[in-house]
C-alpha atoms as a PDB file:
ATOM      1  CA  MET A   1       0.000   0.000   0.000  1.00  0.00           C
ATOM      2  CA  ARG A   2       2.872   2.418   0.688  1.00  0.00           C
ATOM      3  CA  TYR A   3       3.931   2.459  -2.952  1.00  0.00           C
ATOM      4  CA  VAL A   4       0.663   3.912  -4.192  1.00  0.00           C
ATOM      5  CA  LEU A   5       1.818   7.475  -4.854  1.00  0.00           C
ATOM      6  CA  PRO A   6       4.883   6.562  -6.922  1.00  0.00           C
ATOM      7  CA  MET A   7       2.509   4.486  -9.044  1.00  0.00           C
ATOM      8  CA  PHE A   8       0.528   7.615  -9.974  1.00  0.00           C
ATOM      9  CA  ILE A   9       2.643   8.177 -13.082  1.00  0.00           C
ATOM     10  CA  VAL A  10       1.927   4.647 -14.261  1.00  0.00           C
ATOM     11  CA  ILE A  11      -1.746   4.986 -13.442  1.00  0.00           C
ATOM     12  CA  ILE A  12      -2.019   8.246 -15.354  1.00  0.00           C
ATOM     13  CA  THR A  13      -0.223   6.765 -18.339  1.00  0.00           C
ATOM     14  CA  PHE A  14      -2.557   3.805 -18.528  1.00  0.00           C
ATOM     15  CA  SER A  15      -5.815   5.621 -17.809  1.00  0.00           C
ATOM     16  CA  ALA A  16      -8.732   4.299 -19.805  1.00  0.00           C
ATOM     17  CA  CYS A  17      -9.378   6.196 -23.028  1.00  0.00           C
ATOM     18  CA  GLN A  18     -12.191   8.709 -22.682  1.00  0.00           C
ATOM     19  CA  GLU A  19     -14.333  10.631 -25.104  1.00  0.00           C
ATOM     20  CA  SER A  20     -12.971  14.079 -25.905  1.00  0.00           C
ATOM     21  CA  GLY A  21     -13.569  16.548 -23.063  1.00  0.00           C
ATOM     22  CA  GLU A  22     -14.267  13.901 -20.427  1.00  0.00           C
ATOM     23  CA  LEU A  23     -12.075  13.356 -17.400  1.00  0.00           C
ATOM     24  CA  PRO A  24      -9.988  10.176 -17.319  1.00  0.00           C
ATOM     25  CA  ILE A  25     -10.605   7.375 -14.846  1.00  0.00           C
ATOM     26  CA  TYR A  26      -7.737   6.661 -12.458  1.00  0.00           C
ATOM     27  CA  GLY A  27      -7.255   3.557 -10.373  1.00  0.00           C
ATOM     28  CA  LEU A  28      -5.289   0.456  -9.576  1.00  0.00           C
ATOM     29  CA  ARG A  29      -5.787  -2.233 -12.184  1.00  0.00           C
ATOM     30  CA  TYR A  30      -6.732  -5.835 -11.515  1.00  0.00           C
ATOM     31  CA  LYS A  31      -8.003  -8.736 -13.577  1.00  0.00           C
ATOM     32  CA  GLU A  32     -11.260 -10.596 -13.028  1.00  0.00           C
ATOM     33  CA  ASP A  33     -12.065 -13.558 -15.253  1.00  0.00           C
ATOM     34  CA  GLY A  34      -9.355 -12.362 -17.596  1.00  0.00           C
ATOM     35  CA  VAL A  35     -10.865  -8.894 -17.923  1.00  0.00           C
ATOM     36  CA  GLU A  36      -8.872  -5.861 -16.753  1.00  0.00           C
ATOM     37  CA  LYS A  37     -10.834  -3.649 -14.391  1.00  0.00           C
ATOM     38  CA  ILE A  38     -10.169  -0.529 -12.330  1.00  0.00           C
ATOM     39  CA  ARG A  39     -10.565  -0.734  -8.572  1.00  0.00           C
ATOM     40  CA  LYS A  40     -13.423   1.430  -7.316  1.00  0.00           C
ATOM     41  CA  ILE A  41     -13.950   2.906  -3.864  1.00  0.00           C
ATOM     42  CA  PRO A  42     -15.223  -0.047  -1.790  1.00  0.00           C
ATOM     43  CA  ASP A  43     -18.271  -0.099   0.449  1.00  0.00           C
ATOM     44  CA  PHE A  44     -17.705   1.834   3.664  1.00  0.00           C
ATOM     45  CA  LYS A  45     -19.578   2.956   6.751  1.00  0.00           C
ATOM     46  CA  PHE A  46     -18.175   5.726   8.919  1.00  0.00           C
ATOM     47  CA  VAL A  47     -19.468   8.160  11.546  1.00  0.00           C
ATOM     48  CA  ASP A  48     -19.288  11.897  10.926  1.00  0.00           C
ATOM     49  CA  GLN A  49     -18.916  14.948  13.172  1.00  0.00           C
ATOM     50  CA  LEU A  50     -22.631  14.975  13.939  1.00  0.00           C
ATOM     51  CA  GLY A  51     -22.573  11.344  15.039  1.00  0.00           C
ATOM     52  CA  ASP A  52     -24.460  10.306  11.913  1.00  0.00           C
ATOM     53  CA  SER A  53     -23.619   7.220   9.903  1.00  0.00           C
ATOM     54  CA  ILE A  54     -22.110   7.957   6.488  1.00  0.00           C
ATOM     55  CA  SER A  55     -21.908   5.226   3.875  1.00  0.00           C
ATOM     56  CA  ASN A  56     -21.808   4.840   0.117  1.00  0.00           C
ATOM     57  CA  ALA A  57     -25.601   4.907   0.125  1.00  0.00           C
ATOM     58  CA  ASP A  58     -25.585   8.421   1.590  1.00  0.00           C
ATOM     59  CA  LEU A  59     -23.423   9.600  -1.312  1.00  0.00           C
ATOM     60  CA  GLU A  60     -25.381   7.807  -4.020  1.00  0.00           C
ATOM     61  CA  GLY A  61     -25.937  10.066  -7.010  1.00  0.00           C
ATOM     62  CA  LYS A  62     -23.301  12.543  -5.806  1.00  0.00           C
ATOM     63  CA  ILE A  63     -19.735  13.334  -6.699  1.00  0.00           C
ATOM     64  CA  TYR A  64     -17.411  14.135  -3.831  1.00  0.00           C
ATOM     65  CA  VAL A  65     -13.946  15.290  -2.866  1.00  0.00           C
ATOM     66  CA  ALA A  66     -12.032  13.039  -0.462  1.00  0.00           C
ATOM     67  CA  ASP A  67      -8.947  13.636   1.660  1.00  0.00           C
ATOM     68  CA  PHE A  68      -7.113  12.282   4.709  1.00  0.00           C
ATOM     69  CA  PHE A  69      -6.188  14.399   7.732  1.00  0.00           C
ATOM     70  CA  PHE A  70      -6.061  14.504  11.543  1.00  0.00           C
ATOM     71  CA  THR A  71      -7.142  17.291  13.843  1.00  0.00           C
ATOM     72  CA  THR A  72      -3.772  17.673  15.592  1.00  0.00           C
ATOM     73  CA  CYS A  73      -1.795  17.738  12.329  1.00  0.00           C
ATOM     74  CA  PRO A  74       1.104  20.194  12.759  1.00  0.00           C
ATOM     75  CA  THR A  75       1.951  20.551   9.089  1.00  0.00           C
ATOM     76  CA  ILE A  76      -0.179  20.489   5.908  1.00  0.00           C
ATOM     77  CA  CYS A  77      -3.738  19.766   7.063  1.00  0.00           C
ATOM     78  CA  GLY A  78      -4.602  23.373   7.830  1.00  0.00           C
ATOM     79  CA  LYS A  79      -3.412  24.504   4.400  1.00  0.00           C
ATOM     80  CA  ILE A  80      -5.390  21.772   2.676  1.00  0.00           C
ATOM     81  CA  LYS A  81      -8.525  22.624   4.631  1.00  0.00           C
ATOM     82  CA  GLN A  82      -8.228  26.269   3.571  1.00  0.00           C
ATOM     83  CA  GLN A  83      -8.183  25.162  -0.059  1.00  0.00           C
ATOM     84  CA  GLU A  84     -11.120  22.832   0.558  1.00  0.00           C
ATOM     85  CA  LEU A  85     -13.027  25.759   1.999  1.00  0.00           C
ATOM     86  CA  ARG A  86     -12.553  27.424  -1.382  1.00  0.00           C
ATOM     87  CA  ILE A  87     -13.920  24.308  -3.055  1.00  0.00           C
ATOM     88  CA  ALA A  88     -16.867  24.142  -0.655  1.00  0.00           C
ATOM     89  CA  GLU A  89     -17.727  27.781  -1.316  1.00  0.00           C
ATOM     90  CA  ARG A  90     -17.436  27.362  -5.086  1.00  0.00           C
ATOM     91  CA  PHE A  91     -19.869  24.431  -5.155  1.00  0.00           C
ATOM     92  CA  LYS A  92     -22.125  25.310  -2.219  1.00  0.00           C
ATOM     93  CA  ASP A  93     -25.191  25.471  -4.471  1.00  0.00           C
ATOM     94  CA  GLU A  94     -24.590  22.089  -6.117  1.00  0.00           C
ATOM     95  CA  PRO A  95     -26.969  19.575  -4.490  1.00  0.00           C
ATOM     96  CA  ASN A  96     -25.021  16.591  -5.815  1.00  0.00           C
ATOM     97  CA  PHE A  97     -21.650  17.581  -4.397  1.00  0.00           C
ATOM     98  CA  ALA A  98     -20.052  16.703  -1.054  1.00  0.00           C
ATOM     99  CA  ILE A  99     -16.689  16.548   0.737  1.00  0.00           C
ATOM    100  CA  LEU A 100     -15.493  13.565   2.779  1.00  0.00           C
ATOM    101  CA  SER A 101     -12.513  14.084   5.108  1.00  0.00           C
ATOM    102  CA  HIS A 102     -11.210  10.884   6.726  1.00  0.00           C
ATOM    103  CA  THR A 103      -9.344  11.183  10.010  1.00  0.00           C
ATOM    104  CA  ILE A 104      -6.280   8.961  10.169  1.00  0.00           C
ATOM    105  CA  ASP A 105      -6.180   9.270  13.975  1.00  0.00           C
ATOM    106  CA  PRO A 106      -9.526   7.677  14.878  1.00  0.00           C
ATOM    107  CA  LYS A 107      -8.537   7.025  18.505  1.00  0.00           C
ATOM    108  CA  HIS A 108      -8.008  10.712  19.243  1.00  0.00           C
ATOM    109  CA  ASP A 109     -10.412  12.280  16.747  1.00  0.00           C
ATOM    110  CA  THR A 110     -13.701  11.468  18.420  1.00  0.00           C
ATOM    111  CA  VAL A 111     -17.048  12.693  17.113  1.00  0.00           C
ATOM    112  CA  GLU A 112     -16.854  15.595  19.569  1.00  0.00           C
ATOM    113  CA  LYS A 113     -13.388  16.645  18.401  1.00  0.00           C
ATOM    114  CA  LEU A 114     -14.356  16.342  14.752  1.00  0.00           C
ATOM    115  CA  LYS A 115     -17.394  18.523  15.447  1.00  0.00           C
ATOM    116  CA  LYS A 116     -15.253  21.137  17.169  1.00  0.00           C
ATOM    117  CA  TYR A 117     -12.790  21.077  14.260  1.00  0.00           C
ATOM    118  CA  ALA A 118     -15.567  21.417  11.682  1.00  0.00           C
ATOM    119  CA  ASP A 119     -17.266  24.199  13.642  1.00  0.00           C
ATOM    120  CA  LYS A 120     -14.018  26.141  13.747  1.00  0.00           C
ATOM    121  CA  LEU A 121     -13.917  25.974   9.943  1.00  0.00           C
ATOM    122  CA  GLU A 122     -17.600  26.999   9.803  1.00  0.00           C
ATOM    123  CA  VAL A 123     -18.463  24.272   7.318  1.00  0.00           C
ATOM    124  CA  ASP A 124     -21.875  23.138   6.134  1.00  0.00           C
ATOM    125  CA  HIS A 125     -22.247  19.958   8.195  1.00  0.00           C
ATOM    126  CA  ASN A 126     -24.741  18.497   5.737  1.00  0.00           C
ATOM    127  CA  ARG A 127     -22.298  18.663   2.818  1.00  0.00           C
ATOM    128  CA  TRP A 128     -18.861  18.271   4.394  1.00  0.00           C
ATOM    129  CA  HIS A 129     -18.421  15.141   6.487  1.00  0.00           C
ATOM    130  CA  PHE A 130     -15.436  14.643   8.785  1.00  0.00           C
ATOM    131  CA  VAL A 131     -15.512  10.900   9.345  1.00  0.00           C
ATOM    132  CA  ASN A 132     -14.122   8.444  11.850  1.00  0.00           C
ATOM    133  CA  GLY A 133     -14.033   4.671  11.525  1.00  0.00           C
ATOM    134  CA  PRO A 134     -11.997   1.570  12.336  1.00  0.00           C
ATOM    135  CA  LYS A 135      -8.311   2.255  11.801  1.00  0.00           C
ATOM    136  CA  GLU A 136      -7.796  -0.819   9.662  1.00  0.00           C
ATOM    137  CA  VAL A 137     -10.624   0.251   7.339  1.00  0.00           C
ATOM    138  CA  ILE A 138      -9.279   3.794   6.940  1.00  0.00           C
ATOM    139  CA  TYR A 139      -5.750   2.530   6.388  1.00  0.00           C
ATOM    140  CA  ASP A 140      -6.983   0.194   3.663  1.00  0.00           C
ATOM    141  CA  ILE A 141      -9.404   2.448   1.792  1.00  0.00           C
ATOM    142  CA  ASP A 142      -6.627   4.987   1.151  1.00  0.00           C
ATOM    143  CA  GLU A 143      -5.262   2.697  -1.551  1.00  0.00           C
ATOM    144  CA  ALA A 144      -8.511   2.849  -3.508  1.00  0.00           C
ATOM    145  CA  TYR A 145      -8.270   6.646  -3.348  1.00  0.00           C
ATOM    146  CA  LEU A 146      -4.638   6.415  -4.534  1.00  0.00           C
ATOM    147  CA  SER A 147      -3.617   8.155  -1.340  1.00  0.00           C
ATOM    148  CA  ILE A 148      -1.614   7.465   1.829  1.00  0.00           C
ATOM    149  CA  ALA A 149      -2.737   7.108   5.447  1.00  0.00           C
ATOM    150  CA  MET A 150      -0.523   5.452   8.039  1.00  0.00           C
ATOM    151  CA  GLU A 151       1.009   5.774  11.468  1.00  0.00           C
ATOM    152  CA  SER A 152       4.668   6.779  11.429  1.00  0.00           C
ATOM    153  CA  ASP A 153       7.002   7.630  14.279  1.00  0.00           C
ATOM    154  CA  GLU A 154       9.082   9.613  11.804  1.00  0.00           C
ATOM    155  CA  ALA A 155       6.232  11.834  10.562  1.00  0.00           C
ATOM    156  CA  PRO A 156       5.264  15.098  12.305  1.00  0.00           C
ATOM    157  CA  GLY A 157       2.401  14.369  14.670  1.00  0.00           C
ATOM    158  CA  GLY A 158       2.910  10.613  14.343  1.00  0.00           C
ATOM    159  CA  PHE A 159       0.971  10.114  11.107  1.00  0.00           C
ATOM    160  CA  ASP A 160       1.943  10.123   7.446  1.00  0.00           C
ATOM    161  CA  HIS A 161      -0.637  11.117   4.856  1.00  0.00           C
ATOM    162  CA  SER A 162      -0.913  12.498   1.369  1.00  0.00           C
ATOM    163  CA  ASN A 163      -1.389  16.144   0.483  1.00  0.00           C
ATOM    164  CA  ARG A 164      -3.824  15.183  -2.268  1.00  0.00           C
ATOM    165  CA  VAL A 165      -7.498  15.958  -2.616  1.00  0.00           C
ATOM    166  CA  ILE A 166      -9.331  13.412  -4.745  1.00  0.00           C
ATOM    167  CA  LEU A 167     -12.417  13.722  -6.940  1.00  0.00           C
ATOM    168  CA  VAL A 168     -14.743  10.700  -6.960  1.00  0.00           C
ATOM    169  CA  ASP A 169     -17.621  10.287  -9.391  1.00  0.00           C
ATOM    170  CA  LYS A 170     -21.083   8.759  -8.942  1.00  0.00           C
ATOM    171  CA  ASP A 171     -19.698   5.338  -9.856  1.00  0.00           C
ATOM    172  CA  ARG A 172     -17.055   5.415  -7.085  1.00  0.00           C
ATOM    173  CA  GLN A 173     -14.228   6.047  -9.544  1.00  0.00           C
ATOM    174  CA  VAL A 174     -11.347   8.490  -9.070  1.00  0.00           C
ATOM    175  CA  ARG A 175     -11.583  11.124 -11.813  1.00  0.00           C
ATOM    176  CA  SER A 176      -9.116  13.806 -10.737  1.00  0.00           C
ATOM    177  CA  HIS A 177      -6.697  14.764  -7.977  1.00  0.00           C
ATOM    178  CA  ALA A 178      -4.741  17.827  -6.889  1.00  0.00           C
ATOM    179  CA  ILE A 179      -2.024  18.916  -4.502  1.00  0.00           C
ATOM    180  CA  GLY A 180      -4.176  20.323  -1.744  1.00  0.00           C
ATOM    181  CA  THR A 181      -1.564  22.831  -0.609  1.00  0.00           C
ATOM    182  CA  ASP A 182      -1.188  24.393  -4.068  1.00  0.00           C
ATOM    183  CA  PRO A 183      -3.866  27.017  -4.846  1.00  0.00           C
ATOM    184  CA  LYS A 184      -3.120  26.958  -8.583  1.00  0.00           C
ATOM    185  CA  ASP A 185      -3.485  23.196  -8.745  1.00  0.00           C
ATOM    186  CA  VAL A 186      -6.708  23.466  -6.755  1.00  0.00           C
ATOM    187  CA  ASP A 187      -7.939  26.032  -9.295  1.00  0.00           C
ATOM    188  CA  ARG A 188      -7.374  23.428 -12.020  1.00  0.00           C
ATOM    189  CA  PHE A 189      -9.021  20.793  -9.822  1.00  0.00           C
ATOM    190  CA  MET A 190     -12.146  22.928  -9.413  1.00  0.00           C
ATOM    191  CA  LYS A 191     -12.394  23.130 -13.188  1.00  0.00           C
ATOM    192  CA  ASP A 192     -12.319  19.325 -13.234  1.00  0.00           C
ATOM    193  CA  ILE A 193     -15.127  19.231 -10.660  1.00  0.00           C
ATOM    194  CA  GLN A 194     -17.203  21.530 -12.844  1.00  0.00           C
ATOM    195  CA  THR A 195     -16.406  19.419 -15.906  1.00  0.00           C
ATOM    196  CA  LEU A 196     -17.695  16.314 -14.142  1.00  0.00           C
ATOM    197  CA  LEU A 197     -20.833  18.081 -12.914  1.00  0.00           C
ATOM    198  CA  ASP A 198     -21.510  19.352 -16.432  1.00  0.00           C
ATOM    199  CA  GLU A 199     -20.897  15.886 -17.823  1.00  0.00           C
ATOM    200  CA  TYR A 200     -23.686  14.467 -15.690  1.00  0.00           C
ATOM    201  CA  LYS A 201     -26.038  17.335 -16.471  1.00  0.00           C
ATOM    202  CA  THR A 202     -25.810  16.604 -20.206  1.00  0.00           C
ATOM    203  CA  LYS A 203     -26.501  12.888 -19.851  1.00  0.00           C
END
């Protein structure tokens, strides 16, 4: 799982061919009955900052942005959240858009602490979910998102995680990603979000 990010170049190179103007589909490849397929985001069930259950069913028919963070992060999380606030503001009127932030420190980041963190950011709790779940589930699902989430004594704060924000479509497929600390890359990412929203509106 720890070699996911270096594989991004390979994944991008071998992305499935799309019609002109559509976003590519990214993902780890596997074969089933001799047919090559792309791994999708698996079923999940987490608890958000309001204590509500959040699963794939709750996001059905929506596209969403995913990321990994922890509330005591001393480095990049705050910068990424500021960029996600820009994303949230840009798409606040889109009913089929959401943000899903996975804590990678589920023992410390209780529902109460996630709520306090979200309140400090003044987010829309119905559209931006800060979720907690079993550590082994969070540390496995990161691979499907082509991201990193792991404990590390060498990392600041004791956890290693990616600086990426990831765009997931209605079919649980990764369609775009950006460096969440880079405003210019996030600008490009927001264009990709709009492209995907427009794609669904024309179908």
